[in-house]
PDB file of all heavy atoms in Angstrom:
ATOM      1  N   LEU A   1      -4.685  -5.374  -3.628  1.00  0.00           N
ATOM      2  CA  LEU A   1      -4.570  -4.145  -4.392  1.00  0.00           C
ATOM      3  C   LEU A   1      -5.603  -3.122  -4.032  1.00  0.00           C
ATOM      4  O   LEU A   1      -5.308  -1.947  -3.893  1.00  0.00           O
ATOM      5  CB  LEU A   1      -4.711  -4.407  -5.934  1.00  0.00           C
ATOM      6  CG  LEU A   1      -3.602  -5.236  -6.622  1.00  0.00           C
ATOM      7  CD1 LEU A   1      -3.970  -5.506  -8.055  1.00  0.00           C
ATOM      8  CD2 LEU A   1      -2.301  -4.469  -6.584  1.00  0.00           C
ATOM      9  N   ARG A   2      -6.810  -3.646  -3.789  1.00  0.00           N
ATOM     10  CA  ARG A   2      -7.868  -2.710  -3.366  1.00  0.00           C
ATOM     11  C   ARG A   2      -7.627  -2.153  -1.939  1.00  0.00           C
ATOM     12  O   ARG A   2      -7.786  -0.931  -1.771  1.00  0.00           O
ATOM     13  CB  ARG A   2      -9.202  -3.531  -3.337  1.00  0.00           C
ATOM     14  CG  ARG A   2     -10.402  -2.687  -3.166  1.00  0.00           C
ATOM     15  CD  ARG A   2     -11.697  -3.461  -3.378  1.00  0.00           C
ATOM     16  NE  ARG A   2     -11.812  -4.609  -2.513  1.00  0.00           N
ATOM     17  CZ  ARG A   2     -11.656  -5.873  -2.897  1.00  0.00           C
ATOM     18  NH1 ARG A   2     -11.379  -6.191  -4.169  1.00  0.00           N
ATOM     19  NH2 ARG A   2     -11.800  -6.877  -2.067  1.00  0.00           N
ATOM     20  N   GLU A   3      -7.179  -2.995  -1.018  1.00  0.00           N
ATOM     21  CA  GLU A   3      -6.902  -2.464   0.309  1.00  0.00           C
ATOM     22  C   GLU A   3      -5.728  -1.553   0.251  1.00  0.00           C
ATOM     23  O   GLU A   3      -5.692  -0.585   1.035  1.00  0.00           O
ATOM     24  CB  GLU A   3      -6.574  -3.667   1.235  1.00  0.00           C
ATOM     25  CG  GLU A   3      -7.827  -4.575   1.452  1.00  0.00           C
ATOM     26  CD  GLU A   3      -8.962  -3.797   2.060  1.00  0.00           C
ATOM     27  OE1 GLU A   3      -8.790  -3.063   3.119  1.00  0.00           O
ATOM     28  OE2 GLU A   3     -10.075  -3.823   1.527  1.00  0.00           O
ATOM     29  N   HIS A   4      -4.749  -1.823  -0.592  1.00  0.00           N
ATOM     30  CA  HIS A   4      -3.593  -0.957  -0.753  1.00  0.00           C
ATOM     31  C   HIS A   4      -4.080   0.355  -1.184  1.00  0.00           C
ATOM     32  O   HIS A   4      -3.548   1.409  -0.750  1.00  0.00           O
ATOM     33  CB  HIS A   4      -2.635  -1.620  -1.744  1.00  0.00           C
ATOM     34  CG  HIS A   4      -1.204  -1.183  -1.554  1.00  0.00           C
ATOM     35  ND1 HIS A   4      -0.375  -0.645  -2.568  1.00  0.00           N
ATOM     36  CD2 HIS A   4      -0.398  -1.145  -0.476  1.00  0.00           C
ATOM     37  CE1 HIS A   4       0.733  -0.402  -2.169  1.00  0.00           C
ATOM     38  NE2 HIS A   4       0.827  -0.698  -0.898  1.00  0.00           N
ATOM     39  N   GLN A   5      -4.934   0.482  -2.173  1.00  0.00           N
ATOM     40  CA  GLN A   5      -5.431   1.755  -2.694  1.00  0.00           C
ATOM     41  C   GLN A   5      -6.190   2.488  -1.620  1.00  0.00           C
ATOM     42  O   GLN A   5      -6.152   3.712  -1.525  1.00  0.00           O
ATOM     43  CB  GLN A   5      -6.381   1.490  -3.871  1.00  0.00           C
ATOM     44  CG  GLN A   5      -5.666   1.276  -5.191  1.00  0.00           C
ATOM     45  CD  GLN A   5      -5.271   2.540  -5.845  1.00  0.00           C
ATOM     46  OE1 GLN A   5      -5.751   3.596  -5.556  1.00  0.00           O
ATOM     47  NE2 GLN A   5      -4.362   2.464  -6.788  1.00  0.00           N
ATOM     48  N   LEU A   6      -6.869   1.758  -0.725  1.00  0.00           N
ATOM     49  CA  LEU A   6      -7.654   2.358   0.327  1.00  0.00           C
ATOM     50  C   LEU A   6      -6.844   2.805   1.519  1.00  0.00           C
ATOM     51  O   LEU A   6      -7.324   3.382   2.541  1.00  0.00           O
ATOM     52  CB  LEU A   6      -8.730   1.372   0.808  1.00  0.00           C
ATOM     53  CG  LEU A   6      -9.816   1.064  -0.233  1.00  0.00           C
ATOM     54  CD1 LEU A   6     -10.797  -0.012   0.202  1.00  0.00           C
ATOM     55  CD2 LEU A   6     -10.642   2.371  -0.616  1.00  0.00           C
ATOM     56  N   GLY A   7      -5.485   2.501   1.446  1.00  0.00           N
ATOM     57  CA  GLY A   7      -4.615   2.930   2.508  1.00  0.00           C
ATOM     58  C   GLY A   7      -4.426   1.976   3.695  1.00  0.00           C
ATOM     59  O   GLY A   7      -3.846   2.344   4.678  1.00  0.00           O
ATOM     60  N   ALA A   8      -4.945   0.790   3.546  1.00  0.00           N
ATOM     61  CA  ALA A   8      -4.869  -0.192   4.618  1.00  0.00           C
ATOM     62  C   ALA A   8      -3.441  -0.721   4.696  1.00  0.00           C
ATOM     63  O   ALA A   8      -2.713  -0.848   3.643  1.00  0.00           O
ATOM     64  CB  ALA A   8      -5.905  -1.289   4.471  1.00  0.00           C
ATOM     65  N   GLU A   9      -2.993  -1.143   5.916  1.00  0.00           N
ATOM     66  CA  GLU A   9      -1.706  -1.843   6.021  1.00  0.00           C
ATOM     67  C   GLU A   9      -1.834  -3.282   5.572  1.00  0.00           C
ATOM     68  O   GLU A   9      -2.717  -4.002   6.027  1.00  0.00           O
ATOM     69  CB  GLU A   9      -1.276  -1.763   7.518  1.00  0.00           C
ATOM     70  CG  GLU A   9       0.093  -2.404   7.723  1.00  0.00           C
ATOM     71  CD  GLU A   9       0.567  -2.309   9.148  1.00  0.00           C
ATOM     72  OE1 GLU A   9      -0.192  -1.727   9.924  1.00  0.00           O
ATOM     73  OE2 GLU A   9       1.612  -2.865   9.473  1.00  0.00           O
ATOM     74  N   ILE A  10      -0.949  -3.649   4.702  1.00  0.00           N
ATOM     75  CA  ILE A  10      -0.930  -5.028   4.186  1.00  0.00           C
ATOM     76  C   ILE A  10      -0.016  -5.852   5.047  1.00  0.00           C
ATOM     77  O   ILE A  10       1.139  -5.617   5.169  1.00  0.00           O
ATOM     78  CB  ILE A  10      -0.553  -5.110   2.701  1.00  0.00           C
ATOM     79  CG1 ILE A  10      -1.371  -4.115   1.853  1.00  0.00           C
ATOM     80  CG2 ILE A  10      -0.698  -6.541   2.157  1.00  0.00           C
ATOM     81  CD1 ILE A  10      -2.815  -4.409   1.900  1.00  0.00           C
ATOM     82  N   THR A  11      -0.552  -6.913   5.663  1.00  0.00           N
ATOM     83  CA  THR A  11       0.256  -7.755   6.572  1.00  0.00           C
ATOM     84  C   THR A  11       0.581  -9.099   6.094  1.00  0.00           C
ATOM     85  O   THR A  11       1.251  -9.860   6.794  1.00  0.00           O
ATOM     86  CB  THR A  11      -0.503  -7.857   7.933  1.00  0.00           C
ATOM     87  OG1 THR A  11      -1.791  -8.415   7.704  1.00  0.00           O
ATOM     88  CG2 THR A  11      -0.733  -6.451   8.577  1.00  0.00           C
ATOM     89  N   ALA A  12       0.069  -9.428   4.934  1.00  0.00           N
ATOM     90  CA  ALA A  12       0.375 -10.770   4.346  1.00  0.00           C
ATOM     91  C   ALA A  12       0.526 -10.662   2.850  1.00  0.00           C
ATOM     92  O   ALA A  12      -0.001  -9.771   2.209  1.00  0.00           O
ATOM     93  CB  ALA A  12      -0.757 -11.746   4.672  1.00  0.00           C
ATOM     94  N   GLY A  13       1.314 -11.601   2.286  1.00  0.00           N
ATOM     95  CA  GLY A  13       1.516 -11.568   0.849  1.00  0.00           C
ATOM     96  C   GLY A  13       2.733 -10.795   0.403  1.00  0.00           C
ATOM     97  O   GLY A  13       3.413 -10.196   1.217  1.00  0.00           O
ATOM     98  N   PRO A  14       2.950 -10.587  -0.883  1.00  0.00           N
ATOM     99  CA  PRO A  14       4.109  -9.923  -1.394  1.00  0.00           C
ATOM    100  C   PRO A  14       4.167  -8.465  -0.949  1.00  0.00           C
ATOM    101  O   PRO A  14       5.293  -7.872  -0.869  1.00  0.00           O
ATOM    102  CB  PRO A  14       3.951 -10.038  -2.873  1.00  0.00           C
ATOM    103  CG  PRO A  14       3.115 -11.256  -3.149  1.00  0.00           C
ATOM    104  CD  PRO A  14       2.185 -11.286  -1.976  1.00  0.00           C
ATOM    105  N   LEU A  15       3.056  -7.821  -0.718  1.00  0.00           N
ATOM    106  CA  LEU A  15       3.052  -6.352  -0.390  1.00  0.00           C
ATOM    107  C   LEU A  15       3.325  -6.166   1.099  1.00  0.00           C
ATOM    108  O   LEU A  15       3.476  -5.005   1.550  1.00  0.00           O
ATOM    109  CB  LEU A  15       1.736  -5.696  -0.775  1.00  0.00           C
ATOM    110  CG  LEU A  15       1.538  -5.368  -2.240  1.00  0.00           C
ATOM    111  CD1 LEU A  15       0.142  -4.814  -2.394  1.00  0.00           C
ATOM    112  CD2 LEU A  15       2.573  -4.413  -2.737  1.00  0.00           C
ATOM    113  N   SER A  16       3.381  -7.207   1.892  1.00  0.00           N
ATOM    114  CA  SER A  16       3.439  -7.126   3.323  1.00  0.00           C
ATOM    115  C   SER A  16       4.741  -6.287   3.692  1.00  0.00           C
ATOM    116  O   SER A  16       5.849  -6.550   3.180  1.00  0.00           O
ATOM    117  CB  SER A  16       3.546  -8.515   3.927  1.00  0.00           C
ATOM    118  OG  SER A  16       3.817  -8.443   5.280  1.00  0.00           O
ATOM    119  N   GLY A  17       4.592  -5.352   4.601  1.00  0.00           N
ATOM    120  CA  GLY A  17       5.719  -4.641   5.148  1.00  0.00           C
ATOM    121  C   GLY A  17       6.201  -3.509   4.285  1.00  0.00           C
ATOM    122  O   GLY A  17       7.127  -2.784   4.687  1.00  0.00           O
ATOM    123  N   PHE A  18       5.523  -3.184   3.187  1.00  0.00           N
ATOM    124  CA  PHE A  18       6.017  -2.061   2.379  1.00  0.00           C
ATOM    125  C   PHE A  18       5.024  -0.904   2.441  1.00  0.00           C
ATOM    126  O   PHE A  18       3.779  -1.050   2.166  1.00  0.00           O
ATOM    127  CB  PHE A  18       6.121  -2.489   0.892  1.00  0.00           C
ATOM    128  CG  PHE A  18       6.756  -1.495   0.013  1.00  0.00           C
ATOM    129  CD1 PHE A  18       8.108  -1.296  -0.039  1.00  0.00           C
ATOM    130  CD2 PHE A  18       5.947  -0.569  -0.690  1.00  0.00           C
ATOM    131  CE1 PHE A  18       8.680  -0.342  -0.839  1.00  0.00           C
ATOM    132  CE2 PHE A  18       6.527   0.395  -1.457  1.00  0.00           C
ATOM    133  CZ  PHE A  18       7.897   0.565  -1.563  1.00  0.00           C
ATOM    134  N   HIS A  19       5.468   0.278   2.850  1.00  0.00           N
ATOM    135  CA  HIS A  19       4.616   1.441   2.941  1.00  0.00           C
ATOM    136  C   HIS A  19       4.633   2.211   1.586  1.00  0.00           C
ATOM    137  O   HIS A  19       5.740   2.558   1.105  1.00  0.00           O
ATOM    138  CB  HIS A  19       5.034   2.350   4.009  1.00  0.00           C
ATOM    139  CG  HIS A  19       4.194   3.585   4.105  1.00  0.00           C
ATOM    140  ND1 HIS A  19       2.903   3.681   4.502  1.00  0.00           N
ATOM    141  CD2 HIS A  19       4.563   4.934   3.787  1.00  0.00           C
ATOM    142  CE1 HIS A  19       2.464   4.891   4.449  1.00  0.00           C
ATOM    143  NE2 HIS A  19       3.417   5.665   3.977  1.00  0.00           N
ATOM    144  N   TYR A  20       3.545   2.425   1.003  1.00  0.00           N
ATOM    145  CA  TYR A  20       3.468   3.161  -0.294  1.00  0.00           C
ATOM    146  C   TYR A  20       2.267   4.160  -0.249  1.00  0.00           C
ATOM    147  O   TYR A  20       1.091   3.762  -0.041  1.00  0.00           O
ATOM    148  CB  TYR A  20       3.201   2.126  -1.403  1.00  0.00           C
ATOM    149  CG  TYR A  20       3.277   2.708  -2.777  1.00  0.00           C
ATOM    150  CD1 TYR A  20       4.436   2.845  -3.444  1.00  0.00           C
ATOM    151  CD2 TYR A  20       2.071   3.061  -3.444  1.00  0.00           C
ATOM    152  CE1 TYR A  20       4.464   3.330  -4.749  1.00  0.00           C
ATOM    153  CE2 TYR A  20       2.072   3.534  -4.713  1.00  0.00           C
ATOM    154  CZ  TYR A  20       3.334   3.720  -5.326  1.00  0.00           C
ATOM    155  OH  TYR A  20       3.327   4.187  -6.688  1.00  0.00           O
ATOM    156  N   ASP A  21       2.633   5.388  -0.353  1.00  0.00           N
ATOM    157  CA  ASP A  21       1.594   6.461  -0.278  1.00  0.00           C
ATOM    158  C   ASP A  21       1.167   6.775  -1.730  1.00  0.00           C
ATOM    159  O   ASP A  21       1.845   7.439  -2.425  1.00  0.00           O
ATOM    160  CB  ASP A  21       2.177   7.704   0.429  1.00  0.00           C
ATOM    161  CG  ASP A  21       1.095   8.765   0.637  1.00  0.00           C
ATOM    162  OD1 ASP A  21       0.027   8.686   0.022  1.00  0.00           O
ATOM    163  OD2 ASP A  21       1.409   9.707   1.333  1.00  0.00           O
ATOM    164  N   HIS A  22      -0.002   6.262  -2.035  1.00  0.00           N
ATOM    165  CA  HIS A  22      -0.538   6.496  -3.424  1.00  0.00           C
ATOM    166  C   HIS A  22      -0.721   7.974  -3.730  1.00  0.00           C
ATOM    167  O   HIS A  22      -0.672   8.354  -4.924  1.00  0.00           O
ATOM    168  CB  HIS A  22      -1.841   5.777  -3.595  1.00  0.00           C
ATOM    169  CG  HIS A  22      -1.716   4.298  -3.758  1.00  0.00           C
ATOM    170  ND1 HIS A  22      -1.516   3.677  -4.916  1.00  0.00           N
ATOM    171  CD2 HIS A  22      -1.765   3.300  -2.803  1.00  0.00           C
ATOM    172  CE1 HIS A  22      -1.441   2.314  -4.758  1.00  0.00           C
ATOM    173  NE2 HIS A  22      -1.583   2.088  -3.476  1.00  0.00           N
ATOM    174  N   ASP A  23      -0.906   8.783  -2.716  1.00  0.00           N
ATOM    175  CA  ASP A  23      -1.179  10.247  -2.996  1.00  0.00           C
ATOM    176  C   ASP A  23       0.102  11.008  -3.295  1.00  0.00           C
ATOM    177  O   ASP A  23       0.014  12.098  -3.849  1.00  0.00           O
ATOM    178  CB  ASP A  23      -1.888  10.881  -1.738  1.00  0.00           C
ATOM    179  CG  ASP A  23      -3.285  10.288  -1.546  1.00  0.00           C
ATOM    180  OD1 ASP A  23      -3.892   9.861  -2.551  1.00  0.00           O
ATOM    181  OD2 ASP A  23      -3.795  10.269  -0.458  1.00  0.00           O
ATOM    182  N   THR A  24       1.221  10.459  -2.900  1.00  0.00           N
ATOM    183  CA  THR A  24       2.466  11.268  -3.107  1.00  0.00           C
ATOM    184  C   THR A  24       3.532  10.460  -3.947  1.00  0.00           C
ATOM    185  O   THR A  24       4.453  11.105  -4.512  1.00  0.00           O
ATOM    186  CB  THR A  24       3.172  11.577  -1.741  1.00  0.00           C
ATOM    187  OG1 THR A  24       3.485  10.321  -1.125  1.00  0.00           O
ATOM    188  CG2 THR A  24       2.233  12.409  -0.926  1.00  0.00           C
ATOM    189  N   ALA A  25       3.394   9.206  -4.152  1.00  0.00           N
ATOM    190  CA  ALA A  25       4.409   8.381  -4.824  1.00  0.00           C
ATOM    191  C   ALA A  25       4.692   8.833  -6.249  1.00  0.00           C
ATOM    192  O   ALA A  25       5.803   8.764  -6.716  1.00  0.00           O
ATOM    193  CB  ALA A  25       4.011   6.916  -4.832  1.00  0.00           C
ATOM    194  N   ALA A  26       3.655   9.352  -6.960  1.00  0.00           N
ATOM    195  CA  ALA A  26       3.818   9.775  -8.335  1.00  0.00           C
ATOM    196  C   ALA A  26       4.323  11.225  -8.416  1.00  0.00           C
ATOM    197  O   ALA A  26       4.535  11.714  -9.519  1.00  0.00           O
ATOM    198  CB  ALA A  26       2.538   9.591  -9.078  1.00  0.00           C
ATOM    199  N   GLY A  27       4.484  11.908  -7.299  1.00  0.00           N
ATOM    200  CA  GLY A  27       5.001  13.261  -7.281  1.00  0.00           C
ATOM    201  C   GLY A  27       4.033  14.391  -7.241  1.00  0.00           C
ATOM    202  O   GLY A  27       4.420  15.520  -7.368  1.00  0.00           O
TER     203      GLY A  27
END
C-alpha cells in the first residue's frame, strides 16, 4: 500500500500488474 501510494510499480502480490494513478483516479 505504501509503495503504491509512492508510485512504485508493484510486481508481486494482489496488486501486481495493475496501474493505478492516485493523482487522477478520483477525478
